[in-house]
Amino acid sequence: MSRKILVLVFALLVVGLVAGCAAPTPQPVPPTKTPKPTFTPTPDWTPTSIAFETTAPEVQPTAAPAEATAAPEDTAAPEATAAPTEAPTEAPEAIRFTANQNVNVRSGPGTVYPAIGRLTAGQSFDVTGRSESGDWVKFDYDGREGWVTFALVSVEGDLNGVEVAQAPAVPTPRPQPTARPRPVQPTQPPAPPPPQPTARPAFPFQYVEGSAKCEPNAGTTYFNGVVRYRNNSPRNGVCVHIAFFGPRQTKCSGCGGVGDGNWGFSPFGGNPAPPGTTVEIYVVSCEGVTEGGQDLNTGFSDLAPKSDKWVRTINASEQCTGITFVGD
């Protein structure tokens, strides 16, 4: 084979190799027609084989994948629509109270809390809170939390709109010292009261209350009775006097045969007494009195009373009996 043919064959191989490496996708290569060998006369020299340096096919770098599509630049967000501006709200009007009279300021809503001051009638303050029941209001009292009872103040405004304030803890009362019991002294029985002297009667004779019995008697008005000792036995010789319109008669008990201790008067001459006549009967002294007694004709001795008087006003004719006096 001639040298030119060998070179041509080699060149075709090299071109095929390069083309195969460079193409990303192998294409079917049409068969190459090999030229028919031409026989040439063999030279009389021996051909020397030529060593050709084989160059490795240059590897083309694989194309880097296309860069990722750049993210679209951030599109500016549309500006937020500004909220409509609200009209300024007026601050609620302060609710105030005024003391109706002098009132204690306490540290909490109740009388169990200690008093921390006192308001005078007419003082006003802003209400800062109220008790849950609404019967106490809270306010700023010289930088302290003060409470006053709703019953003694006047509130300007609706107290229901005031926030309920938390009541402070109820203070614990201090324990009071217990007094030591004093030793019990033996009780002395009370001294008996001194004996009271027996009251002596003002008179030596006394009228016996309720002894007289008066009844109507249309014919005449008269009076009789008895004088007795304190042991209830009859007593003679005691002078009894009857007076009306002035001194009238004196008689002694048991005189004139009327019976022991008895006496009697018919001072109106056996006739009814004039209506409205007041009669007094009582014991007098018997000094100078005869057994027949005394009257206006004989005159009277001592008429000083020696007993309390039995007194009666006669409005109609009547008889009174049993008029009794007692003495020693």
C-alpha atoms as a PDB file:
ATOM      1  CA  MET A   1       0.000   0.000   0.000  1.00  0.00           C
ATOM      2  CA  SER A   2       1.298   3.414  -0.872  1.00  0.00           C
ATOM      3  CA  ARG A   3       2.130   6.031   1.673  1.00  0.00           C
ATOM      4  CA  LYS A   4      -0.543   8.433   0.454  1.00  0.00           C
ATOM      5  CA  ILE A   5      -3.261   5.880   0.945  1.00  0.00           C
ATOM      6  CA  LEU A   6      -2.132   5.194   4.498  1.00  0.00           C
ATOM      7  CA  VAL A   7      -2.073   8.885   5.279  1.00  0.00           C
ATOM      8  CA  LEU A   8      -5.510   9.281   3.847  1.00  0.00           C
ATOM      9  CA  VAL A   9      -6.887   6.398   5.855  1.00  0.00           C
ATOM     10  CA  PHE A  10      -5.362   7.727   9.028  1.00  0.00           C
ATOM     11  CA  ALA A  11      -6.685  11.180   8.397  1.00  0.00           C
ATOM     12  CA  LEU A  12     -10.171   9.828   7.930  1.00  0.00           C
ATOM     13  CA  LEU A  13      -9.920   7.910  11.198  1.00  0.00           C
ATOM     14  CA  VAL A  14      -8.778  10.984  13.047  1.00  0.00           C
ATOM     15  CA  VAL A  15     -11.552  13.071  11.547  1.00  0.00           C
ATOM     16  CA  GLY A  16     -14.061  10.403  12.512  1.00  0.00           C
ATOM     17  CA  LEU A  17     -12.843  10.274  16.048  1.00  0.00           C
ATOM     18  CA  VAL A  18     -12.933  14.040  16.427  1.00  0.00           C
ATOM     19  CA  ALA A  19     -16.307  14.281  14.885  1.00  0.00           C
ATOM     20  CA  GLY A  20     -17.621  11.513  17.157  1.00  0.00           C
ATOM     21  CA  CYS A  21     -16.405  13.249  20.289  1.00  0.00           C
ATOM     22  CA  ALA A  22     -17.619  16.723  19.360  1.00  0.00           C
ATOM     23  CA  ALA A  23     -21.172  15.831  18.411  1.00  0.00           C
ATOM     24  CA  PRO A  24     -23.481  15.648  21.403  1.00  0.00           C
ATOM     25  CA  THR A  25     -25.707  13.213  19.657  1.00  0.00           C
ATOM     26  CA  PRO A  26     -24.071  10.567  17.435  1.00  0.00           C
ATOM     27  CA  GLN A  27     -25.386  10.602  13.882  1.00  0.00           C
ATOM     28  CA  PRO A  28     -25.242   7.486  11.755  1.00  0.00           C
ATOM     29  CA  VAL A  29     -22.177   7.766   9.550  1.00  0.00           C
ATOM     30  CA  PRO A  30     -22.751   6.625   6.022  1.00  0.00           C
ATOM     31  CA  PRO A  31     -20.404   3.858   5.078  1.00  0.00           C
ATOM     32  CA  THR A  32     -17.270   5.159   3.510  1.00  0.00           C
ATOM     33  CA  LYS A  33     -16.402   3.551   0.257  1.00  0.00           C
ATOM     34  CA  THR A  34     -13.007   2.125   0.505  1.00  0.00           C
ATOM     35  CA  PRO A  35     -11.148   2.683  -2.761  1.00  0.00           C
ATOM     36  CA  LYS A  36     -10.011  -0.424  -4.300  1.00  0.00           C
ATOM     37  CA  PRO A  37      -6.372  -1.063  -3.757  1.00  0.00           C
ATOM     38  CA  THR A  38      -4.164  -0.406  -6.650  1.00  0.00           C
ATOM     39  CA  PHE A  39      -1.434  -2.871  -7.105  1.00  0.00           C
ATOM     40  CA  THR A  40       1.742  -1.245  -7.776  1.00  0.00           C
ATOM     41  CA  PRO A  41       4.939  -2.915  -8.455  1.00  0.00           C
ATOM     42  CA  THR A  42       6.872  -3.685  -5.310  1.00  0.00           C
ATOM     43  CA  PRO A  43       9.867  -1.493  -5.060  1.00  0.00           C
ATOM     44  CA  ASP A  44      13.145  -3.039  -4.547  1.00  0.00           C
ATOM     45  CA  TRP A  45      13.500  -1.203  -1.113  1.00  0.00           C
ATOM     46  CA  THR A  46      11.818  -2.212   2.110  1.00  0.00           C
ATOM     47  CA  PRO A  47       9.413   0.372   3.426  1.00  0.00           C
ATOM     48  CA  THR A  48      10.055   1.538   6.919  1.00  0.00           C
ATOM     49  CA  SER A  49       7.065   1.807   9.199  1.00  0.00           C
ATOM     50  CA  ILE A  50       6.561   5.347  10.332  1.00  0.00           C
ATOM     51  CA  ALA A  51       5.288   5.778  13.848  1.00  0.00           C
ATOM     52  CA  PHE A  52       2.825   8.600  13.982  1.00  0.00           C
ATOM     53  CA  GLU A  53       2.150  10.313  17.324  1.00  0.00           C
ATOM     54  CA  THR A  54      -1.389   9.684  18.208  1.00  0.00           C
ATOM     55  CA  THR A  55      -3.053  12.732  19.585  1.00  0.00           C
ATOM     56  CA  ALA A  56      -5.903  12.004  21.977  1.00  0.00           C
ATOM     57  CA  PRO A  57      -8.995  13.588  20.731  1.00  0.00           C
ATOM     58  CA  GLU A  58      -9.551  16.901  22.479  1.00  0.00           C
ATOM     59  CA  VAL A  59     -12.482  16.568  24.762  1.00  0.00           C
ATOM     60  CA  GLN A  60     -14.690  19.526  24.364  1.00  0.00           C
ATOM     61  CA  PRO A  61     -16.071  20.664  27.669  1.00  0.00           C
ATOM     62  CA  THR A  62     -19.695  19.935  28.134  1.00  0.00           C
ATOM     63  CA  ALA A  63     -21.673  23.104  27.980  1.00  0.00           C
ATOM     64  CA  ALA A  64     -22.886  24.151  31.404  1.00  0.00           C
ATOM     65  CA  PRO A  65     -26.608  24.067  31.760  1.00  0.00           C
ATOM     66  CA  ALA A  66     -28.262  27.334  31.052  1.00  0.00           C
ATOM     67  CA  GLU A  67     -28.447  29.566  34.020  1.00  0.00           C
ATOM     68  CA  ALA A  68     -31.708  29.426  35.777  1.00  0.00           C
ATOM     69  CA  THR A  69     -33.976  32.075  34.696  1.00  0.00           C
ATOM     70  CA  ALA A  70     -33.354  34.963  36.953  1.00  0.00           C
ATOM     71  CA  ALA A  71     -36.144  35.570  39.301  1.00  0.00           C
ATOM     72  CA  PRO A  72     -38.019  38.617  38.307  1.00  0.00           C
ATOM     73  CA  GLU A  73     -37.010  41.594  40.250  1.00  0.00           C
ATOM     74  CA  ASP A  74     -39.236  42.279  43.175  1.00  0.00           C
ATOM     75  CA  THR A  75     -42.010  44.419  42.045  1.00  0.00           C
ATOM     76  CA  ALA A  76     -42.693  47.189  44.465  1.00  0.00           C
ATOM     77  CA  ALA A  77     -45.759  46.312  46.466  1.00  0.00           C
ATOM     78  CA  PRO A  78     -48.532  48.735  45.981  1.00  0.00           C
ATOM     79  CA  GLU A  79     -48.703  51.191  48.786  1.00  0.00           C
ATOM     80  CA  ALA A  80     -51.248  50.229  51.383  1.00  0.00           C
ATOM     81  CA  THR A  81     -54.249  52.393  51.394  1.00  0.00           C
ATOM     82  CA  ALA A  82     -54.060  54.573  54.479  1.00  0.00           C
ATOM     83  CA  ALA A  83     -56.790  53.906  57.010  1.00  0.00           C
ATOM     84  CA  PRO A  84     -59.231  56.718  57.342  1.00  0.00           C
ATOM     85  CA  THR A  85     -58.246  59.011  60.157  1.00  0.00           C
ATOM     86  CA  GLU A  86     -60.726  58.780  63.013  1.00  0.00           C
ATOM     87  CA  ALA A  87     -62.037  61.950  64.402  1.00  0.00           C
ATOM     88  CA  PRO A  88     -60.536  62.665  67.828  1.00  0.00           C
ATOM     89  CA  THR A  89     -62.788  61.388  70.633  1.00  0.00           C
ATOM     90  CA  GLU A  90     -63.491  63.764  73.450  1.00  0.00           C
ATOM     91  CA  ALA A  91     -62.439  62.540  76.883  1.00  0.00           C
ATOM     92  CA  PRO A  92     -65.451  61.464  78.994  1.00  0.00           C
ATOM     93  CA  GLU A  93     -66.581  64.067  81.432  1.00  0.00           C
ATOM     94  CA  ALA A  94     -65.284  63.411  84.950  1.00  0.00           C
ATOM     95  CA  ILE A  95     -67.841  62.258  87.516  1.00  0.00           C
ATOM     96  CA  ARG A  96     -67.559  64.206  90.764  1.00  0.00           C
ATOM     97  CA  PHE A  97     -69.056  63.967  94.185  1.00  0.00           C
ATOM     98  CA  THR A  98     -69.712  66.579  96.847  1.00  0.00           C
ATOM     99  CA  ALA A  99     -69.887  65.884 100.587  1.00  0.00           C
ATOM    100  CA  ASN A 100     -73.328  66.722 101.988  1.00  0.00           C
ATOM    101  CA  GLN A 101     -71.975  66.909 105.531  1.00  0.00           C
ATOM    102  CA  ASN A 102     -68.842  66.124 107.473  1.00  0.00           C
ATOM    103  CA  VAL A 103     -67.923  62.551 106.558  1.00  0.00           C
ATOM    104  CA  ASN A 104     -65.077  60.172 107.406  1.00  0.00           C
ATOM    105  CA  VAL A 105     -62.643  59.107 104.665  1.00  0.00           C
ATOM    106  CA  ARG A 106     -61.750  55.422 105.007  1.00  0.00           C
ATOM    107  CA  SER A 107     -59.061  53.243 103.477  1.00  0.00           C
ATOM    108  CA  GLY A 108     -61.641  50.860 102.011  1.00  0.00           C
ATOM    109  CA  PRO A 109     -65.357  50.499 101.226  1.00  0.00           C
ATOM    110  CA  GLY A 110     -66.758  49.802 104.668  1.00  0.00           C
ATOM    111  CA  THR A 111     -66.710  50.861 108.285  1.00  0.00           C
ATOM    112  CA  VAL A 112     -64.381  47.947 109.063  1.00  0.00           C
ATOM    113  CA  TYR A 113     -61.605  49.971 107.401  1.00  0.00           C
ATOM    114  CA  PRO A 114     -59.851  52.628 109.502  1.00  0.00           C
ATOM    115  CA  ALA A 115     -60.560  56.327 108.951  1.00  0.00           C
ATOM    116  CA  ILE A 116     -57.677  58.169 107.260  1.00  0.00           C
ATOM    117  CA  GLY A 117     -59.202  61.639 107.193  1.00  0.00           C
ATOM    118  CA  ARG A 118     -62.377  63.672 107.192  1.00  0.00           C
ATOM    119  CA  LEU A 119     -64.193  65.788 104.612  1.00  0.00           C
ATOM    120  CA  THR A 120     -66.223  68.859 105.428  1.00  0.00           C
ATOM    121  CA  ALA A 121     -69.561  69.659 103.842  1.00  0.00           C
ATOM    122  CA  GLY A 122     -69.161  71.106 100.328  1.00  0.00           C
ATOM    123  CA  GLN A 123     -65.789  69.522  99.409  1.00  0.00           C
ATOM    124  CA  SER A 124     -65.749  67.973  95.897  1.00  0.00           C
ATOM    125  CA  PHE A 125     -63.506  65.333  94.274  1.00  0.00           C
ATOM    126  CA  ASP A 126     -63.370  63.297  91.058  1.00  0.00           C
ATOM    127  CA  VAL A 127     -64.689  59.749  91.404  1.00  0.00           C
ATOM    128  CA  THR A 128     -62.022  57.196  90.414  1.00  0.00           C
ATOM    129  CA  GLY A 129     -63.898  54.012  91.247  1.00  0.00           C
ATOM    130  CA  ARG A 130     -66.821  52.497  93.074  1.00  0.00           C
ATOM    131  CA  SER A 131     -67.569  49.428  95.162  1.00  0.00           C
ATOM    132  CA  GLU A 132     -69.285  46.475  93.546  1.00  0.00           C
ATOM    133  CA  SER A 133     -72.503  47.257  95.407  1.00  0.00           C
ATOM    134  CA  GLY A 134     -72.250  50.952  94.481  1.00  0.00           C
ATOM    135  CA  ASP A 135     -72.654  52.222  98.047  1.00  0.00           C
ATOM    136  CA  TRP A 136     -69.047  53.467  98.377  1.00  0.00           C
ATOM    137  CA  VAL A 137     -67.071  55.702  95.985  1.00  0.00           C
ATOM    138  CA  LYS A 138     -63.290  55.924  95.649  1.00  0.00           C
ATOM    139  CA  PHE A 139     -61.223  59.056  95.018  1.00  0.00           C
ATOM    140  CA  ASP A 140     -57.675  60.415  95.294  1.00  0.00           C
ATOM    141  CA  TYR A 141     -57.274  61.737  98.828  1.00  0.00           C
ATOM    142  CA  ASP A 142     -53.917  63.566  99.036  1.00  0.00           C
ATOM    143  CA  GLY A 143     -52.205  60.853  97.007  1.00  0.00           C
ATOM    144  CA  ARG A 144     -53.873  58.033  98.870  1.00  0.00           C
ATOM    145  CA  GLU A 145     -56.824  55.814  97.980  1.00  0.00           C
ATOM    146  CA  GLY A 146     -59.800  57.178  99.886  1.00  0.00           C
ATOM    147  CA  TRP A 147     -63.370  55.894 100.165  1.00  0.00           C
ATOM    148  CA  VAL A 148     -66.557  57.634 101.329  1.00  0.00           C
ATOM    149  CA  THR A 149     -70.057  56.257 101.720  1.00  0.00           C
ATOM    150  CA  PHE A 150     -72.483  57.086  98.912  1.00  0.00           C
ATOM    151  CA  ALA A 151     -75.224  57.857 101.469  1.00  0.00           C
ATOM    152  CA  LEU A 152     -73.494  61.073 102.645  1.00  0.00           C
ATOM    153  CA  VAL A 153     -72.440  62.559  99.284  1.00  0.00           C
ATOM    154  CA  SER A 154     -74.061  63.847  96.083  1.00  0.00           C
ATOM    155  CA  VAL A 155     -72.736  62.413  92.776  1.00  0.00           C
ATOM    156  CA  GLU A 156     -72.819  64.439  89.557  1.00  0.00           C
ATOM    157  CA  GLY A 157     -73.099  61.989  86.645  1.00  0.00           C
ATOM    158  CA  ASP A 158     -73.928  58.340  86.067  1.00  0.00           C
ATOM    159  CA  LEU A 159     -72.099  56.268  88.667  1.00  0.00           C
ATOM    160  CA  ASN A 160     -72.857  53.096  86.689  1.00  0.00           C
ATOM    161  CA  GLY A 161     -70.258  54.165  84.131  1.00  0.00           C
ATOM    162  CA  VAL A 162     -67.504  54.192  86.766  1.00  0.00           C
ATOM    163  CA  GLU A 163     -65.240  51.149  86.895  1.00  0.00           C
ATOM    164  CA  VAL A 164     -65.625  48.846  89.891  1.00  0.00           C
ATOM    165  CA  ALA A 165     -62.482  49.206  92.018  1.00  0.00           C
ATOM    166  CA  GLN A 166     -60.827  46.314  93.831  1.00  0.00           C
ATOM    167  CA  ALA A 167     -61.308  46.706  97.558  1.00  0.00           C
ATOM    168  CA  PRO A 168     -58.153  46.422  99.680  1.00  0.00           C
ATOM    169  CA  ALA A 169     -57.802  43.591 102.139  1.00  0.00           C
ATOM    170  CA  VAL A 170     -59.693  44.072 105.363  1.00  0.00           C
ATOM    171  CA  PRO A 171     -57.217  44.942 108.104  1.00  0.00           C
ATOM    172  CA  THR A 172     -56.872  42.440 110.905  1.00  0.00           C
ATOM    173  CA  PRO A 173     -57.788  44.011 114.238  1.00  0.00           C
ATOM    174  CA  ARG A 174     -55.062  44.060 116.800  1.00  0.00           C
ATOM    175  CA  PRO A 175     -55.628  41.655 119.650  1.00  0.00           C
ATOM    176  CA  GLN A 176     -56.697  43.444 122.767  1.00  0.00           C
ATOM    177  CA  PRO A 177     -54.813  42.663 125.929  1.00  0.00           C
ATOM    178  CA  THR A 178     -56.809  40.492 128.251  1.00  0.00           C
ATOM    179  CA  ALA A 179     -57.304  42.012 131.644  1.00  0.00           C
ATOM    180  CA  ARG A 180     -56.158  39.845 134.470  1.00  0.00           C
ATOM    181  CA  PRO A 181     -59.036  38.721 136.611  1.00  0.00           C
ATOM    182  CA  ARG A 182     -59.067  40.352 139.968  1.00  0.00           C
ATOM    183  CA  PRO A 183     -59.291  38.107 142.972  1.00  0.00           C
ATOM    184  CA  VAL A 184     -62.830  37.799 144.149  1.00  0.00           C
ATOM    185  CA  GLN A 185     -63.284  39.384 147.509  1.00  0.00           C
ATOM    186  CA  PRO A 186     -65.648  37.615 149.854  1.00  0.00           C
ATOM    187  CA  THR A 187     -68.981  39.348 149.768  1.00  0.00           C
ATOM    188  CA  GLN A 188     -70.108  40.694 153.062  1.00  0.00           C
ATOM    189  CA  PRO A 189     -73.809  40.343 153.675  1.00  0.00           C
ATOM    190  CA  PRO A 190     -75.490  43.731 153.701  1.00  0.00           C
ATOM    191  CA  ALA A 191     -76.091  45.131 157.107  1.00  0.00           C
ATOM    192  CA  PRO A 192     -79.706  44.909 158.096  1.00  0.00           C
ATOM    193  CA  PRO A 193     -81.465  48.264 157.987  1.00  0.00           C
ATOM    194  CA  PRO A 194     -81.861  49.899 161.361  1.00  0.00           C
ATOM    195  CA  PRO A 195     -85.246  49.285 162.902  1.00  0.00           C
ATOM    196  CA  GLN A 196     -87.648  52.031 162.036  1.00  0.00           C
ATOM    197  CA  PRO A 197     -89.382  53.551 164.988  1.00  0.00           C
ATOM    198  CA  THR A 198     -93.030  52.720 165.054  1.00  0.00           C
ATOM    199  CA  ALA A 199     -94.915  55.781 163.955  1.00  0.00           C
ATOM    200  CA  ARG A 200     -97.022  57.010 166.754  1.00  0.00           C
ATOM    201  CA  PRO A 201    -100.491  58.067 165.720  1.00  0.00           C
ATOM    202  CA  ALA A 202    -100.990  61.783 165.471  1.00  0.00           C
ATOM    203  CA  PHE A 203    -104.095  61.444 167.649  1.00  0.00           C
ATOM    204  CA  PRO A 204    -104.927  59.193 170.582  1.00  0.00           C
ATOM    205  CA  PHE A 205    -108.002  57.993 168.630  1.00  0.00           C
ATOM    206  CA  GLN A 206    -108.365  56.992 164.956  1.00  0.00           C
ATOM    207  CA  TYR A 207    -111.339  56.611 162.684  1.00  0.00           C
ATOM    208  CA  VAL A 208    -111.633  53.040 161.377  1.00  0.00           C
ATOM    209  CA  GLU A 209    -111.695  53.395 157.582  1.00  0.00           C
ATOM    210  CA  GLY A 210    -114.761  51.858 155.933  1.00  0.00           C
ATOM    211  CA  SER A 211    -116.638  51.342 159.147  1.00  0.00           C
ATOM    212  CA  ALA A 212    -119.415  53.828 158.273  1.00  0.00           C
ATOM    213  CA  LYS A 213    -122.414  52.595 156.280  1.00  0.00           C
ATOM    214  CA  CYS A 214    -124.747  55.214 154.786  1.00  0.00           C
ATOM    215  CA  GLU A 215    -128.202  54.510 153.323  1.00  0.00           C
ATOM    216  CA  PRO A 216    -131.023  56.714 152.058  1.00  0.00           C
ATOM    217  CA  ASN A 217    -133.611  57.673 154.678  1.00  0.00           C
ATOM    218  CA  ALA A 218    -136.293  60.085 153.514  1.00  0.00           C
ATOM    219  CA  GLY A 219    -137.713  60.705 156.985  1.00  0.00           C
ATOM    220  CA  THR A 220    -134.671  62.019 158.838  1.00  0.00           C
ATOM    221  CA  THR A 221    -130.909  62.360 158.645  1.00  0.00           C
ATOM    222  CA  TYR A 222    -129.004  60.921 161.604  1.00  0.00           C
ATOM    223  CA  PHE A 223    -125.607  59.443 162.509  1.00  0.00           C
ATOM    224  CA  ASN A 224    -124.449  56.895 165.121  1.00  0.00           C
ATOM    225  CA  GLY A 225    -121.404  54.841 165.902  1.00  0.00           C
ATOM    226  CA  VAL A 226    -119.166  53.352 168.577  1.00  0.00           C
ATOM    227  CA  VAL A 227    -115.903  53.961 170.440  1.00  0.00           C
ATOM    228  CA  ARG A 228    -113.714  50.924 171.177  1.00  0.00           C
ATOM    229  CA  TYR A 229    -110.415  49.968 172.722  1.00  0.00           C
ATOM    230  CA  ARG A 230    -107.826  48.556 170.372  1.00  0.00           C
ATOM    231  CA  ASN A 231    -108.719  45.106 171.582  1.00  0.00           C
ATOM    232  CA  ASN A 232    -112.200  45.792 170.156  1.00  0.00           C
ATOM    233  CA  SER A 233    -113.984  46.050 173.495  1.00  0.00           C
ATOM    234  CA  PRO A 234    -116.416  49.011 173.864  1.00  0.00           C
ATOM    235  CA  ARG A 235    -115.188  52.151 175.576  1.00  0.00           C
ATOM    236  CA  ASN A 236    -117.391  54.566 177.492  1.00  0.00           C
ATOM    237  CA  GLY A 237    -116.783  58.194 178.435  1.00  0.00           C
ATOM    238  CA  VAL A 238    -115.182  59.318 175.151  1.00  0.00           C
ATOM    239  CA  CYS A 239    -116.605  62.550 173.747  1.00  0.00           C
ATOM    240  CA  VAL A 240    -117.575  62.653 170.080  1.00  0.00           C
ATOM    241  CA  HIS A 241    -118.387  65.943 168.347  1.00  0.00           C
ATOM    242  CA  ILE A 242    -120.444  66.615 165.192  1.00  0.00           C
ATOM    243  CA  ALA A 243    -119.979  69.880 163.293  1.00  0.00           C
ATOM    244  CA  PHE A 244    -121.857  71.442 160.387  1.00  0.00           C
ATOM    245  CA  PHE A 245    -122.367  75.148 159.758  1.00  0.00           C
ATOM    246  CA  GLY A 246    -120.039  75.496 162.736  1.00  0.00           C
ATOM    247  CA  PRO A 247    -120.058  73.667 166.155  1.00  0.00           C
ATOM    248  CA  ARG A 248    -123.318  71.817 166.842  1.00  0.00           C
ATOM    249  CA  GLN A 249    -123.203  69.011 169.475  1.00  0.00           C
ATOM    250  CA  THR A 250    -120.899  66.954 171.688  1.00  0.00           C
ATOM    251  CA  LYS A 251    -121.881  63.623 173.278  1.00  0.00           C
ATOM    252  CA  CYS A 252    -119.989  60.994 175.247  1.00  0.00           C
ATOM    253  CA  SER A 253    -119.937  57.305 174.431  1.00  0.00           C
ATOM    254  CA  GLY A 254    -122.119  55.092 176.660  1.00  0.00           C
ATOM    255  CA  CYS A 255    -123.883  58.135 178.191  1.00  0.00           C
ATOM    256  CA  GLY A 256    -127.680  58.492 178.428  1.00  0.00           C
ATOM    257  CA  GLY A 257    -128.356  54.744 178.439  1.00  0.00           C
ATOM    258  CA  VAL A 258    -127.528  54.225 174.733  1.00  0.00           C
ATOM    259  CA  GLY A 259    -125.335  51.197 175.451  1.00  0.00           C
ATOM    260  CA  ASP A 260    -121.638  50.684 176.077  1.00  0.00           C
ATOM    261  CA  GLY A 261    -119.431  52.602 173.722  1.00  0.00           C
ATOM    262  CA  ASN A 262    -122.351  53.893 171.626  1.00  0.00           C
ATOM    263  CA  TRP A 263    -123.149  57.457 170.619  1.00  0.00           C
ATOM    264  CA  GLY A 264    -125.644  59.066 168.169  1.00  0.00           C
ATOM    265  CA  PHE A 265    -126.805  62.424 166.689  1.00  0.00           C
ATOM    266  CA  SER A 266    -129.994  63.726 165.018  1.00  0.00           C
ATOM    267  CA  PRO A 267    -128.652  67.225 164.454  1.00  0.00           C
ATOM    268  CA  PHE A 268    -131.395  68.500 162.146  1.00  0.00           C
ATOM    269  CA  GLY A 269    -134.282  68.134 164.589  1.00  0.00           C
ATOM    270  CA  GLY A 270    -135.476  64.832 163.137  1.00  0.00           C
ATOM    271  CA  ASN A 271    -135.676  66.338 159.623  1.00  0.00           C
ATOM    272  CA  PRO A 272    -133.704  65.659 156.412  1.00  0.00           C
ATOM    273  CA  ALA A 273    -130.422  67.545 156.090  1.00  0.00           C
ATOM    274  CA  PRO A 274    -130.405  70.408 153.600  1.00  0.00           C
ATOM    275  CA  PRO A 275    -128.794  69.165 150.323  1.00  0.00           C
ATOM    276  CA  GLY A 276    -125.094  70.026 150.143  1.00  0.00           C
ATOM    277  CA  THR A 277    -124.557  69.971 153.908  1.00  0.00           C
ATOM    278  CA  THR A 278    -121.042  68.832 154.889  1.00  0.00           C
ATOM    279  CA  VAL A 279    -120.784  66.988 158.188  1.00  0.00           C
ATOM    280  CA  GLU A 280    -117.588  66.384 160.254  1.00  0.00           C
ATOM    281  CA  ILE A 281    -117.510  63.880 163.148  1.00  0.00           C
ATOM    282  CA  TYR A 282    -114.412  63.402 165.356  1.00  0.00           C
ATOM    283  CA  VAL A 283    -113.274  62.790 168.990  1.00  0.00           C
ATOM    284  CA  VAL A 284    -112.691  65.774 171.330  1.00  0.00           C
ATOM    285  CA  SER A 285    -111.731  66.236 174.970  1.00  0.00           C
ATOM    286  CA  CYS A 286    -114.396  65.523 177.573  1.00  0.00           C
ATOM    287  CA  GLU A 287    -113.135  68.182 179.955  1.00  0.00           C
ATOM    288  CA  GLY A 288    -116.186  70.159 181.183  1.00  0.00           C
ATOM    289  CA  VAL A 289    -118.653  67.974 179.265  1.00  0.00           C
ATOM    290  CA  THR A 290    -121.567  66.663 181.303  1.00  0.00           C
ATOM    291  CA  GLU A 291    -123.272  63.350 180.750  1.00  0.00           C
ATOM    292  CA  GLY A 292    -125.950  65.090 178.735  1.00  0.00           C
ATOM    293  CA  GLY A 293    -123.351  66.499 176.356  1.00  0.00           C
ATOM    294  CA  GLN A 294    -122.911  70.044 174.949  1.00  0.00           C
ATOM    295  CA  ASP A 295    -124.707  72.119 172.359  1.00  0.00           C
ATOM    296  CA  LEU A 296    -125.094  75.721 171.335  1.00  0.00           C
ATOM    297  CA  ASN A 297    -127.179  76.422 174.396  1.00  0.00           C
ATOM    298  CA  THR A 298    -124.658  75.056 176.917  1.00  0.00           C
ATOM    299  CA  GLY A 299    -121.631  76.229 175.088  1.00  0.00           C
ATOM    300  CA  PHE A 300    -118.547  74.211 174.216  1.00  0.00           C
ATOM    301  CA  SER A 301    -115.306  73.595 176.004  1.00  0.00           C
ATOM    302  CA  ASP A 302    -112.179  72.391 174.159  1.00  0.00           C
ATOM    303  CA  LEU A 303    -113.071  71.300 170.573  1.00  0.00           C
ATOM    304  CA  ALA A 304    -109.545  70.510 169.437  1.00  0.00           C
ATOM    305  CA  PRO A 305    -109.603  67.203 167.465  1.00  0.00           C
ATOM    306  CA  LYS A 306    -108.260  64.118 169.235  1.00  0.00           C
ATOM    307  CA  SER A 307    -108.815  61.903 166.171  1.00  0.00           C
ATOM    308  CA  ASP A 308    -108.907  62.211 162.394  1.00  0.00           C
ATOM    309  CA  LYS A 309    -112.263  63.366 161.031  1.00  0.00           C
ATOM    310  CA  TRP A 310    -114.994  61.419 159.275  1.00  0.00           C
ATOM    311  CA  VAL A 311    -116.351  63.814 156.643  1.00  0.00           C
ATOM    312  CA  ARG A 312    -119.420  63.455 154.413  1.00  0.00           C
ATOM    313  CA  THR A 313    -121.467  65.801 152.220  1.00  0.00           C
ATOM    314  CA  ILE A 314    -125.180  65.088 152.342  1.00  0.00           C
ATOM    315  CA  ASN A 315    -127.045  65.581 149.046  1.00  0.00           C
ATOM    316  CA  ALA A 316    -130.202  63.731 150.070  1.00  0.00           C
ATOM    317  CA  SER A 317    -131.606  62.624 153.370  1.00  0.00           C
ATOM    318  CA  GLU A 318    -129.795  59.524 154.635  1.00  0.00           C
ATOM    319  CA  GLN A 319    -128.734  57.592 157.737  1.00  0.00           C
ATOM    320  CA  CYS A 320    -125.092  56.704 158.458  1.00  0.00           C
ATOM    321  CA  THR A 321    -124.371  54.044 161.074  1.00  0.00           C
ATOM    322  CA  GLY A 322    -121.368  52.098 162.447  1.00  0.00           C
ATOM    323  CA  ILE A 323    -118.978  55.093 162.474  1.00  0.00           C
ATOM    324  CA  THR A 324    -116.180  53.685 164.679  1.00  0.00           C
ATOM    325  CA  PHE A 325    -113.243  55.242 166.523  1.00  0.00           C
ATOM    326  CA  VAL A 326    -110.572  53.261 168.413  1.00  0.00           C
ATOM    327  CA  GLY A 327    -107.971  54.242 170.999  1.00  0.00           C
ATOM    328  CA  ASP A 328    -105.948  53.083 173.947  1.00  0.00           C
END
